[in-house]
Protein backbone atom coordinates (compact mmCIF):
# COMPACT_ATOMS: atom_id res chain seq x y z
CA UNK A 1 -25.56 -11.60 -0.89
CA UNK A 2 -22.86 -14.22 -0.87
CA UNK A 3 -21.68 -16.36 2.00
CA UNK A 4 -18.03 -16.00 2.93
CA UNK A 5 -17.24 -19.29 1.18
CA UNK A 6 -19.14 -18.23 -1.96
CA UNK A 7 -17.33 -14.87 -2.00
CA UNK A 8 -13.96 -16.62 -1.68
CA UNK A 9 -14.87 -18.97 -4.51
CA UNK A 10 -15.93 -16.05 -6.70
CA UNK A 11 -12.64 -14.23 -5.98
CA UNK A 12 -10.66 -17.31 -6.92
CA UNK A 13 -12.67 -17.71 -10.14
CA UNK A 14 -12.14 -14.01 -10.96
CA UNK A 15 -8.34 -14.15 -10.57
CA UNK A 16 -8.13 -17.48 -12.42
CA UNK A 17 -10.18 -16.06 -15.30
CA UNK A 18 -7.98 -12.94 -15.37
CA UNK A 19 -4.78 -14.98 -15.52
CA UNK A 20 -6.24 -17.08 -18.33
CA UNK A 21 -7.43 -14.02 -20.27
CA UNK A 22 -4.09 -12.20 -19.85
CA UNK A 23 -1.43 -14.87 -19.30
CA UNK A 24 1.65 -12.79 -18.65
CA UNK A 25 4.03 -12.19 -15.79
CA UNK A 26 3.34 -8.81 -14.24
CA UNK A 27 6.00 -6.77 -12.46
CA UNK A 28 4.06 -6.51 -9.16
CA UNK A 29 6.52 -7.15 -6.30
CA UNK A 30 9.57 -7.56 -8.55
CA UNK A 31 10.45 -3.86 -8.77
CA UNK A 32 13.81 -4.57 -7.11
CA UNK A 33 13.05 -1.66 -4.77
CA UNK A 34 12.30 -2.87 -1.26
CA UNK A 35 8.71 -2.09 -0.22
CA UNK A 36 7.75 -0.58 -3.58
CA UNK A 37 5.22 -2.72 -5.45
CA UNK A 38 2.46 -2.75 -8.02
CA UNK A 39 -0.92 -4.21 -7.06
CA UNK A 40 -4.26 -5.09 -8.56
CA UNK A 41 -7.38 -4.53 -6.46
CA UNK A 42 -11.05 -5.20 -7.06
CA UNK A 43 -14.13 -5.21 -4.84
CA UNK A 44 -17.87 -4.85 -5.34
CA UNK A 45 -17.64 -1.20 -6.49
CA UNK A 46 -14.31 -0.54 -8.16
CA UNK A 47 -11.07 -1.87 -9.59
CA UNK A 48 -7.68 -0.27 -9.04
CA UNK A 49 -4.14 -0.63 -10.30
CA UNK A 50 -1.74 0.79 -7.74
CA UNK A 51 1.89 1.53 -7.07
CA UNK A 52 2.42 1.41 -3.32
CA UNK A 53 5.49 2.97 -1.73
CA UNK A 54 5.81 1.73 1.83
CA UNK A 55 9.37 1.60 3.18
CA UNK A 56 9.51 1.67 6.97
CA UNK A 57 11.94 4.60 6.78
CA UNK A 58 9.89 7.75 6.24
CA UNK A 59 12.74 9.50 4.39
CA UNK A 60 12.96 6.70 1.81
CA UNK A 61 9.19 6.77 1.27
CA UNK A 62 9.37 10.54 0.77
CA UNK A 63 12.26 10.33 -1.69
CA UNK A 64 10.65 7.60 -3.83
CA UNK A 65 7.32 9.44 -3.85
CA UNK A 66 8.90 12.80 -4.72
CA UNK A 67 10.84 11.21 -7.58
CA UNK A 68 7.62 9.86 -9.07
CA UNK A 69 5.83 13.12 -8.33
CA UNK A 70 8.56 14.97 -10.26
CA UNK A 71 7.56 12.80 -13.25
CA UNK A 72 3.84 13.50 -12.81
CA UNK A 73 3.46 15.46 -16.05
CA UNK A 74 5.08 12.64 -18.04
CA UNK A 75 3.00 10.03 -16.20
CA UNK A 76 -0.21 11.92 -17.01
CA UNK A 77 0.63 12.93 -20.58
CA UNK A 78 2.31 9.75 -21.83
CA UNK A 79 1.05 6.87 -19.69
CA UNK A 80 -1.89 7.30 -17.30
CA UNK A 81 -3.85 10.56 -17.64
CA UNK A 82 -6.17 9.63 -14.75
CA UNK A 83 -3.43 8.66 -12.26
CA UNK A 84 -3.92 9.94 -8.72
CA UNK A 85 -0.83 10.63 -6.60
CA UNK A 86 -1.17 10.70 -2.84
CA UNK A 87 1.85 11.32 -0.64
CA UNK A 88 0.12 10.26 2.59
CA UNK A 89 -2.40 7.51 1.95
CA UNK A 90 -3.87 5.93 5.08
CA UNK A 91 -4.54 2.20 4.98
CA UNK A 92 -7.41 0.72 7.00
CA UNK A 93 -4.92 -0.40 9.67
CA UNK A 94 -3.71 3.20 10.12
CA UNK A 95 -0.38 2.71 8.34
CA UNK A 96 0.67 5.65 6.15
CA UNK A 97 2.06 4.86 2.71
CA UNK A 98 2.40 6.75 -0.56
CA UNK A 99 0.20 5.52 -3.39
CA UNK A 100 -0.21 6.24 -7.07
CA UNK A 101 -3.26 4.65 -8.66
CA UNK A 102 -5.89 4.56 -11.36
CA UNK A 103 -9.45 3.46 -10.77
CA UNK A 104 -12.42 2.04 -12.65
CA UNK A 105 -15.78 2.55 -10.96
CA UNK A 106 -19.12 0.88 -11.57
CA UNK A 107 -17.86 -2.70 -11.74
CA UNK A 108 -18.08 -5.55 -9.28
CA UNK A 109 -16.01 -8.60 -8.55
CA UNK A 110 -19.32 -10.35 -7.88
CA UNK A 111 -20.86 -9.48 -11.25
CA UNK A 112 -19.35 -11.70 -13.94
CA UNK A 113 -20.77 -9.38 -16.61
CA UNK A 114 -18.24 -6.72 -15.52
CA UNK A 115 -15.24 -9.03 -15.51
CA UNK A 116 -14.20 -8.44 -19.12
CA UNK A 117 -14.16 -4.66 -18.60
CA UNK A 118 -12.20 -5.10 -15.39
CA UNK A 119 -9.69 -7.40 -17.09
CA UNK A 120 -9.18 -4.87 -19.92
CA UNK A 121 -8.74 -2.07 -17.39
CA UNK A 122 -6.18 -4.13 -15.44
CA UNK A 123 -4.27 -5.05 -18.58
CA UNK A 124 -4.16 -1.56 -20.10
CA UNK A 125 -3.43 0.23 -16.82
CA UNK A 126 -0.79 -2.14 -15.48
CA UNK A 127 0.92 -2.24 -18.86
CA UNK A 128 1.10 1.57 -18.89
CA UNK A 129 2.32 1.65 -15.27
CA UNK A 130 5.03 -0.90 -16.04
CA UNK A 131 6.19 0.95 -19.18
CA UNK A 132 6.44 4.15 -17.11
CA UNK A 133 8.37 2.35 -14.37
CA UNK A 134 10.80 0.65 -16.74
CA UNK A 135 11.44 3.94 -18.57
CA UNK A 136 12.32 5.81 -15.34
CA UNK A 137 13.45 2.92 -13.14
CA UNK A 138 17.09 4.01 -12.80
CA UNK A 139 16.07 7.50 -11.71
CA UNK A 140 13.39 6.23 -9.28
CA UNK A 141 15.66 3.58 -7.77
CA UNK A 142 18.76 5.74 -7.17
CA UNK A 143 18.41 7.34 -3.74
CA UNK A 144 21.53 9.44 -4.41
CA UNK A 145 19.86 11.39 -7.24
CA UNK A 146 17.77 14.18 -5.74
CA UNK A 147 14.53 15.35 -7.27
């Protein structure tokens, strides 16, 4: 078990090592759609690459999610076969968002031996997510185009 300070240090080392192994600028919060962002996540059991849709206006969240959901077959067949789409995803704080994600189990942020596999997963998954987003960005972004 790690102390809080040791865990923080390990997290910092993990993200530094990732940025050194894959030195590129990821899309993340620069989707140019307010409250729609890509995220990396890792803990002591799993790693995830996520697209979170969290506008405060419920109708906007629904529209963005339904647009991506309408592209589900393309997302699965051409980009991320294992992607999970969840219209109503509940965060720990009780907030409801929509989330699309892929997951790698059996790794740990606190096990350096699993870092390389996690880094590869992050790189491959986020690259596929970004290619999907860029391909369909105009459709996803335009709230006037119905699904």
